[in-house]
Amino acid sequence: MTNLDANHTAVTSGLAIREKVMGKEHVQRSLEEASDFSRAIQELVTDFAWGRIWTRTGLDLRTRSMLNLAMLTALNRNHELAGHVRGALNNGVTEKEIQEVLIQAMVYCGAPAALESFRVAERAIILYNAENNS
């Protein structure tokens, strides 16, 4: 159970967009498994990142997903990268586009970061395809 205020517009829209991009099961699991300690950050991410940023009209979801892949590569945040590869696929980003984003990131982030992102992305794509083609 969470303390998310379902009547709060950013929280409501944040939950909806988070579930659309990351998958309902993933989001529900993240919220349900949050400890007393981590619940606050889950609520803040849902409200602010998903409810106030991802819902802005200036960029479409595909573009936001591709930007996230590049930024997560730059930051070497592989756990988040795997989730956002799945989100990118949910948003209609193709495997070829993911590959191109990671190649572009290599130029600015370095080969070690891009190589690791390719490994993470490939595993995430294989799992995604296995789950969605069965």
N, C-alpha and C. Protein backbone atom coordinates (compact mmCIF):
# COMPACT_ATOMS: atom_id res chain seq x y z
N MET A 1 0.84 -1.19 0.00
CA MET A 1 0.00 0.00 0.00
C MET A 1 0.88 1.24 0.00
N THR A 2 0.45 2.27 -0.70
CA THR A 2 1.24 3.49 -0.77
C THR A 2 0.45 4.65 -0.20
N ASN A 3 1.15 5.75 -0.01
CA ASN A 3 0.52 6.98 0.46
C ASN A 3 0.21 7.92 -0.69
N LEU A 4 0.29 7.43 -1.93
CA LEU A 4 0.01 8.29 -3.07
C LEU A 4 -1.41 8.80 -3.01
N ASP A 5 -1.57 10.10 -3.18
CA ASP A 5 -2.88 10.73 -3.19
C ASP A 5 -3.46 10.61 -4.59
N ALA A 6 -4.36 9.67 -4.80
CA ALA A 6 -4.90 9.39 -6.13
C ALA A 6 -5.69 10.57 -6.69
N ASN A 7 -6.08 11.51 -5.85
CA ASN A 7 -6.82 12.67 -6.35
C ASN A 7 -5.90 13.76 -6.86
N HIS A 8 -4.65 13.67 -6.57
CA HIS A 8 -3.66 14.66 -7.02
C HIS A 8 -3.42 14.46 -8.51
N THR A 9 -3.62 15.48 -9.32
CA THR A 9 -3.55 15.36 -10.78
C THR A 9 -2.22 14.81 -11.26
N ALA A 10 -1.10 15.31 -10.76
CA ALA A 10 0.21 14.83 -11.21
C ALA A 10 0.41 13.37 -10.83
N VAL A 11 -0.08 12.97 -9.68
CA VAL A 11 0.06 11.58 -9.26
C VAL A 11 -0.79 10.68 -10.14
N THR A 12 -2.00 11.08 -10.40
CA THR A 12 -2.90 10.29 -11.24
C THR A 12 -2.33 10.14 -12.65
N SER A 13 -1.92 11.25 -13.24
CA SER A 13 -1.36 11.17 -14.59
C SER A 13 0.00 10.48 -14.55
N GLY A 14 0.76 10.66 -13.47
CA GLY A 14 2.05 10.00 -13.33
C GLY A 14 1.92 8.49 -13.28
N LEU A 15 0.95 8.01 -12.51
CA LEU A 15 0.72 6.56 -12.46
C LEU A 15 0.33 6.03 -13.83
N ALA A 16 -0.53 6.76 -14.52
CA ALA A 16 -0.99 6.30 -15.84
C ALA A 16 0.15 6.23 -16.84
N ILE A 17 0.97 7.26 -16.92
CA ILE A 17 2.05 7.28 -17.90
C ILE A 17 3.14 6.30 -17.50
N ARG A 18 3.42 6.18 -16.22
CA ARG A 18 4.43 5.23 -15.74
C ARG A 18 4.02 3.81 -16.10
N GLU A 19 2.75 3.48 -15.91
CA GLU A 19 2.25 2.14 -16.27
C GLU A 19 2.28 1.93 -17.77
N LYS A 20 1.96 2.95 -18.54
CA LYS A 20 1.98 2.83 -20.00
C LYS A 20 3.39 2.56 -20.51
N VAL A 21 4.35 3.27 -19.98
CA VAL A 21 5.73 3.14 -20.46
C VAL A 21 6.41 1.90 -19.88
N MET A 22 6.35 1.73 -18.58
CA MET A 22 7.13 0.69 -17.91
C MET A 22 6.36 -0.63 -17.75
N GLY A 23 5.07 -0.59 -17.92
CA GLY A 23 4.24 -1.78 -17.74
C GLY A 23 3.57 -1.76 -16.38
N LYS A 24 2.29 -2.08 -16.36
CA LYS A 24 1.51 -2.02 -15.12
C LYS A 24 2.08 -2.92 -14.04
N GLU A 25 2.49 -4.14 -14.41
CA GLU A 25 3.01 -5.08 -13.43
C GLU A 25 4.26 -4.54 -12.76
N HIS A 26 5.16 -3.98 -13.56
CA HIS A 26 6.41 -3.43 -13.03
C HIS A 26 6.12 -2.30 -12.04
N VAL A 27 5.23 -1.41 -12.42
CA VAL A 27 4.92 -0.26 -11.57
C VAL A 27 4.26 -0.72 -10.28
N GLN A 28 3.28 -1.59 -10.40
CA GLN A 28 2.59 -2.07 -9.20
C GLN A 28 3.56 -2.78 -8.26
N ARG A 29 4.46 -3.58 -8.83
CA ARG A 29 5.46 -4.28 -8.03
C ARG A 29 6.38 -3.28 -7.33
N SER A 30 6.81 -2.25 -8.06
CA SER A 30 7.69 -1.23 -7.48
C SER A 30 7.02 -0.52 -6.31
N LEU A 31 5.76 -0.23 -6.47
CA LEU A 31 5.03 0.47 -5.40
C LEU A 31 4.71 -0.45 -4.23
N GLU A 32 4.28 -1.66 -4.54
CA GLU A 32 3.91 -2.60 -3.47
C GLU A 32 5.11 -3.08 -2.68
N GLU A 33 6.26 -3.23 -3.33
CA GLU A 33 7.45 -3.73 -2.66
C GLU A 33 8.27 -2.63 -1.99
N ALA A 34 7.84 -1.39 -2.14
CA ALA A 34 8.57 -0.29 -1.51
C ALA A 34 8.52 -0.44 0.01
N SER A 35 9.66 -0.30 0.63
CA SER A 35 9.74 -0.36 2.09
C SER A 35 9.29 0.98 2.67
N ASP A 36 9.17 1.04 3.97
CA ASP A 36 8.86 2.32 4.60
C ASP A 36 9.91 3.35 4.23
N PHE A 37 11.16 2.90 4.10
CA PHE A 37 12.27 3.79 3.76
C PHE A 37 12.19 4.27 2.32
N SER A 38 11.92 3.37 1.37
CA SER A 38 11.97 3.72 -0.05
C SER A 38 10.65 4.22 -0.62
N ARG A 39 9.58 4.12 0.14
CA ARG A 39 8.27 4.55 -0.36
C ARG A 39 8.27 6.02 -0.77
N ALA A 40 8.95 6.85 -0.02
CA ALA A 40 8.95 8.29 -0.31
C ALA A 40 9.53 8.58 -1.70
N ILE A 41 10.59 7.88 -2.08
CA ILE A 41 11.19 8.14 -3.40
C ILE A 41 10.30 7.61 -4.51
N GLN A 42 9.63 6.48 -4.30
CA GLN A 42 8.70 5.96 -5.30
C GLN A 42 7.56 6.94 -5.53
N GLU A 43 7.07 7.52 -4.46
CA GLU A 43 5.98 8.49 -4.57
C GLU A 43 6.45 9.76 -5.27
N LEU A 44 7.64 10.22 -4.93
CA LEU A 44 8.18 11.43 -5.55
C LEU A 44 8.43 11.22 -7.04
N VAL A 45 8.99 10.08 -7.42
CA VAL A 45 9.25 9.78 -8.83
C VAL A 45 7.92 9.72 -9.60
N THR A 46 6.91 9.10 -9.02
CA THR A 46 5.61 9.01 -9.69
C THR A 46 5.00 10.39 -9.87
N ASP A 47 5.04 11.19 -8.84
CA ASP A 47 4.48 12.54 -8.89
C ASP A 47 5.28 13.45 -9.82
N PHE A 48 6.56 13.59 -9.56
CA PHE A 48 7.35 14.59 -10.29
C PHE A 48 7.82 14.11 -11.66
N ALA A 49 8.62 13.05 -11.69
CA ALA A 49 9.21 12.61 -12.97
C ALA A 49 8.12 12.17 -13.95
N TRP A 50 7.26 11.28 -13.50
CA TRP A 50 6.24 10.75 -14.41
C TRP A 50 5.05 11.68 -14.55
N GLY A 51 4.59 12.28 -13.47
CA GLY A 51 3.38 13.10 -13.51
C GLY A 51 3.58 14.52 -13.99
N ARG A 52 4.77 15.07 -13.81
CA ARG A 52 4.99 16.46 -14.20
C ARG A 52 5.94 16.62 -15.38
N ILE A 53 6.82 15.65 -15.62
CA ILE A 53 7.79 15.77 -16.72
C ILE A 53 7.37 14.91 -17.92
N TRP A 54 7.16 13.62 -17.70
CA TRP A 54 6.80 12.73 -18.82
C TRP A 54 5.47 13.12 -19.47
N THR A 55 4.62 13.85 -18.78
CA THR A 55 3.32 14.24 -19.34
C THR A 55 3.38 15.57 -20.08
N ARG A 56 4.51 16.24 -20.08
CA ARG A 56 4.62 17.50 -20.82
C ARG A 56 4.45 17.24 -22.31
N THR A 57 3.96 18.24 -23.02
CA THR A 57 3.64 18.06 -24.44
C THR A 57 4.80 18.38 -25.38
N GLY A 58 5.91 18.89 -24.89
CA GLY A 58 6.99 19.32 -25.76
C GLY A 58 7.72 18.21 -26.50
N LEU A 59 7.72 16.99 -25.96
CA LEU A 59 8.35 15.84 -26.60
C LEU A 59 7.40 14.66 -26.54
N ASP A 60 7.44 13.83 -27.58
CA ASP A 60 6.61 12.62 -27.53
C ASP A 60 7.32 11.55 -26.69
N LEU A 61 6.60 10.49 -26.38
CA LEU A 61 7.14 9.43 -25.51
C LEU A 61 8.33 8.72 -26.14
N ARG A 62 8.31 8.52 -27.46
CA ARG A 62 9.44 7.87 -28.14
C ARG A 62 10.71 8.69 -27.94
N THR A 63 10.61 9.99 -28.14
CA THR A 63 11.78 10.86 -28.00
C THR A 63 12.27 10.86 -26.56
N ARG A 64 11.36 10.96 -25.62
CA ARG A 64 11.75 10.92 -24.20
C ARG A 64 12.47 9.61 -23.89
N SER A 65 11.96 8.51 -24.42
CA SER A 65 12.61 7.22 -24.18
C SER A 65 14.02 7.18 -24.75
N MET A 66 14.19 7.67 -25.96
CA MET A 66 15.51 7.65 -26.58
C MET A 66 16.49 8.54 -25.81
N LEU A 67 16.02 9.69 -25.36
CA LEU A 67 16.88 10.55 -24.54
C LEU A 67 17.30 9.84 -23.25
N ASN A 68 16.35 9.14 -22.63
CA ASN A 68 16.67 8.42 -21.40
C ASN A 68 17.75 7.37 -21.63
N LEU A 69 17.67 6.66 -22.76
CA LEU A 69 18.68 5.64 -23.05
C LEU A 69 20.07 6.28 -23.13
N ALA A 70 20.17 7.41 -23.79
CA ALA A 70 21.46 8.09 -23.90
C ALA A 70 21.94 8.60 -22.55
N MET A 71 21.04 9.21 -21.79
CA MET A 71 21.43 9.76 -20.49
C MET A 71 21.82 8.66 -19.50
N LEU A 72 21.08 7.57 -19.50
CA LEU A 72 21.40 6.47 -18.59
C LEU A 72 22.71 5.80 -18.97
N THR A 73 23.02 5.80 -20.26
CA THR A 73 24.34 5.32 -20.71
C THR A 73 25.42 6.24 -20.16
N ALA A 74 25.22 7.55 -20.30
CA ALA A 74 26.20 8.52 -19.82
C ALA A 74 26.43 8.40 -18.33
N LEU A 75 25.37 8.11 -17.59
CA LEU A 75 25.45 8.02 -16.14
C LEU A 75 25.82 6.62 -15.65
N ASN A 76 25.90 5.66 -16.58
CA ASN A 76 26.21 4.27 -16.22
C ASN A 76 25.21 3.72 -15.20
N ARG A 77 23.95 3.93 -15.47
CA ARG A 77 22.87 3.47 -14.60
C ARG A 77 22.18 2.28 -15.26
N ASN A 78 22.86 1.14 -15.23
CA ASN A 78 22.44 -0.02 -16.01
C ASN A 78 21.12 -0.64 -15.56
N HIS A 79 20.83 -0.63 -14.28
CA HIS A 79 19.56 -1.19 -13.82
C HIS A 79 18.40 -0.36 -14.40
N GLU A 80 18.53 0.94 -14.32
CA GLU A 80 17.49 1.82 -14.88
C GLU A 80 17.47 1.71 -16.41
N LEU A 81 18.64 1.54 -17.02
CA LEU A 81 18.71 1.41 -18.48
C LEU A 81 17.89 0.22 -18.95
N ALA A 82 18.03 -0.92 -18.29
CA ALA A 82 17.28 -2.12 -18.68
C ALA A 82 15.78 -1.84 -18.66
N GLY A 83 15.30 -1.20 -17.61
CA GLY A 83 13.88 -0.88 -17.54
C GLY A 83 13.44 0.09 -18.62
N HIS A 84 14.30 1.05 -18.93
CA HIS A 84 13.93 2.03 -19.94
C HIS A 84 14.09 1.51 -21.36
N VAL A 85 14.88 0.46 -21.56
CA VAL A 85 14.88 -0.22 -22.86
C VAL A 85 13.50 -0.83 -23.08
N ARG A 86 12.98 -1.48 -22.06
CA ARG A 86 11.63 -2.05 -22.15
C ARG A 86 10.61 -0.94 -22.40
N GLY A 87 10.76 0.17 -21.67
CA GLY A 87 9.85 1.29 -21.87
C GLY A 87 9.95 1.86 -23.27
N ALA A 88 11.16 1.94 -23.81
CA ALA A 88 11.34 2.44 -25.17
C ALA A 88 10.64 1.53 -26.17
N LEU A 89 10.78 0.23 -25.99
CA LEU A 89 10.08 -0.71 -26.87
C LEU A 89 8.57 -0.54 -26.75
N ASN A 90 8.09 -0.36 -25.53
CA ASN A 90 6.65 -0.10 -25.32
C ASN A 90 6.21 1.18 -26.03
N ASN A 91 7.12 2.15 -26.14
CA ASN A 91 6.80 3.43 -26.78
C ASN A 91 7.03 3.42 -28.27
N GLY A 92 7.32 2.25 -28.84
CA GLY A 92 7.46 2.14 -30.28
C GLY A 92 8.85 2.39 -30.82
N VAL A 93 9.84 2.52 -29.95
CA VAL A 93 11.23 2.66 -30.42
C VAL A 93 11.67 1.29 -30.91
N THR A 94 12.26 1.24 -32.08
CA THR A 94 12.68 -0.03 -32.65
C THR A 94 14.04 -0.45 -32.08
N GLU A 95 14.35 -1.72 -32.26
CA GLU A 95 15.66 -2.22 -31.84
C GLU A 95 16.77 -1.49 -32.57
N LYS A 96 16.57 -1.20 -33.85
CA LYS A 96 17.56 -0.47 -34.64
C LYS A 96 17.75 0.94 -34.07
N GLU A 97 16.68 1.59 -33.69
CA GLU A 97 16.80 2.93 -33.10
C GLU A 97 17.53 2.88 -31.76
N ILE A 98 17.25 1.87 -30.96
CA ILE A 98 17.97 1.71 -29.69
C ILE A 98 19.47 1.56 -29.98
N GLN A 99 19.79 0.72 -30.96
CA GLN A 99 21.19 0.52 -31.35
C GLN A 99 21.82 1.85 -31.75
N GLU A 100 21.13 2.64 -32.55
CA GLU A 100 21.67 3.91 -33.01
C GLU A 100 21.85 4.91 -31.86
N VAL A 101 20.91 4.93 -30.93
CA VAL A 101 21.05 5.82 -29.77
C VAL A 101 22.31 5.45 -28.98
N LEU A 102 22.53 4.15 -28.79
CA LEU A 102 23.70 3.72 -28.02
C LEU A 102 25.00 3.97 -28.76
N ILE A 103 24.97 3.84 -30.07
CA ILE A 103 26.16 4.18 -30.87
C ILE A 103 26.44 5.68 -30.77
N GLN A 104 25.41 6.48 -30.87
CA GLN A 104 25.57 7.94 -30.73
C GLN A 104 26.12 8.27 -29.34
N ALA A 105 25.61 7.60 -28.32
CA ALA A 105 26.09 7.85 -26.95
C ALA A 105 27.56 7.49 -26.80
N MET A 106 28.01 6.49 -27.54
CA MET A 106 29.41 6.08 -27.44
C MET A 106 30.36 7.23 -27.77
N VAL A 107 29.99 8.03 -28.76
CA VAL A 107 30.86 9.13 -29.18
C VAL A 107 31.07 10.11 -28.03
N TYR A 108 30.04 10.35 -27.25
CA TYR A 108 30.10 11.37 -26.19
C TYR A 108 30.33 10.80 -24.80
N CYS A 109 30.02 9.51 -24.60
CA CYS A 109 30.13 8.90 -23.28
C CYS A 109 31.31 7.93 -23.17
N GLY A 110 31.84 7.50 -24.29
CA GLY A 110 32.96 6.57 -24.30
C GLY A 110 32.53 5.15 -24.63
N ALA A 111 33.49 4.42 -25.17
CA ALA A 111 33.23 3.04 -25.57
C ALA A 111 32.87 2.13 -24.40
N PRO A 112 33.54 2.21 -23.24
CA PRO A 112 33.16 1.30 -22.14
C PRO A 112 31.70 1.45 -21.71
N ALA A 113 31.23 2.69 -21.63
CA ALA A 113 29.83 2.92 -21.25
C ALA A 113 28.89 2.35 -22.31
N ALA A 114 29.20 2.60 -23.57
CA ALA A 114 28.34 2.11 -24.65
C ALA A 114 28.37 0.59 -24.74
N LEU A 115 29.53 0.00 -24.57
CA LEU A 115 29.61 -1.47 -24.62
C LEU A 115 28.74 -2.10 -23.53
N GLU A 116 28.81 -1.55 -22.33
CA GLU A 116 27.99 -2.08 -21.24
C GLU A 116 26.51 -1.84 -21.52
N SER A 117 26.18 -0.68 -22.08
CA SER A 117 24.78 -0.40 -22.42
C SER A 117 24.27 -1.35 -23.50
N PHE A 118 25.11 -1.69 -24.46
CA PHE A 118 24.72 -2.67 -25.46
C PHE A 118 24.42 -4.02 -24.81
N ARG A 119 25.26 -4.44 -23.87
CA ARG A 119 25.03 -5.72 -23.19
C ARG A 119 23.70 -5.70 -22.42
N VAL A 120 23.48 -4.62 -21.68
CA VAL A 120 22.25 -4.48 -20.90
C VAL A 120 21.04 -4.43 -21.83
N ALA A 121 21.13 -3.63 -22.87
CA ALA A 121 20.01 -3.46 -23.81
C ALA A 121 19.69 -4.78 -24.51
N GLU A 122 20.71 -5.50 -24.93
CA GLU A 122 20.46 -6.76 -25.63
C GLU A 122 19.73 -7.76 -24.73
N ARG A 123 20.16 -7.87 -23.46
CA ARG A 123 19.46 -8.76 -22.52
C ARG A 123 18.01 -8.32 -22.33
N ALA A 124 17.81 -7.01 -22.18
CA ALA A 124 16.45 -6.49 -21.98
C ALA A 124 15.58 -6.73 -23.21
N ILE A 125 16.13 -6.58 -24.40
CA ILE A 125 15.38 -6.83 -25.63
C ILE A 125 15.02 -8.30 -25.75
N ILE A 126 15.94 -9.18 -25.46
CA ILE A 126 15.67 -10.62 -25.52
C ILE A 126 14.55 -10.99 -24.56
N LEU A 127 14.62 -10.49 -23.32
CA LEU A 127 13.56 -10.78 -22.35
C LEU A 127 12.22 -10.19 -22.79
N TYR A 128 12.25 -8.97 -23.27
CA TYR A 128 11.03 -8.31 -23.74
C TYR A 128 10.39 -9.12 -24.86
N ASN A 129 11.20 -9.51 -25.85
CA ASN A 129 10.66 -10.28 -26.97
C ASN A 129 10.14 -11.63 -26.53
N ALA A 130 10.81 -12.28 -25.60
CA ALA A 130 10.35 -13.58 -25.10
C ALA A 130 8.99 -13.43 -24.40
N GLU A 131 8.85 -12.37 -23.63
CA GLU A 131 7.59 -12.16 -22.91
C GLU A 131 6.45 -11.71 -23.81
N ASN A 132 6.77 -11.00 -24.88
CA ASN A 132 5.74 -10.44 -25.73
C ASN A 132 5.46 -11.24 -26.99
N ASN A 133 6.23 -12.27 -27.23
CA ASN A 133 6.02 -13.12 -28.41
C ASN A 133 5.61 -14.53 -28.04
N SER A 134 5.20 -14.73 -26.78
CA SER A 134 4.81 -16.07 -26.39
C SER A 134 3.33 -16.27 -26.46
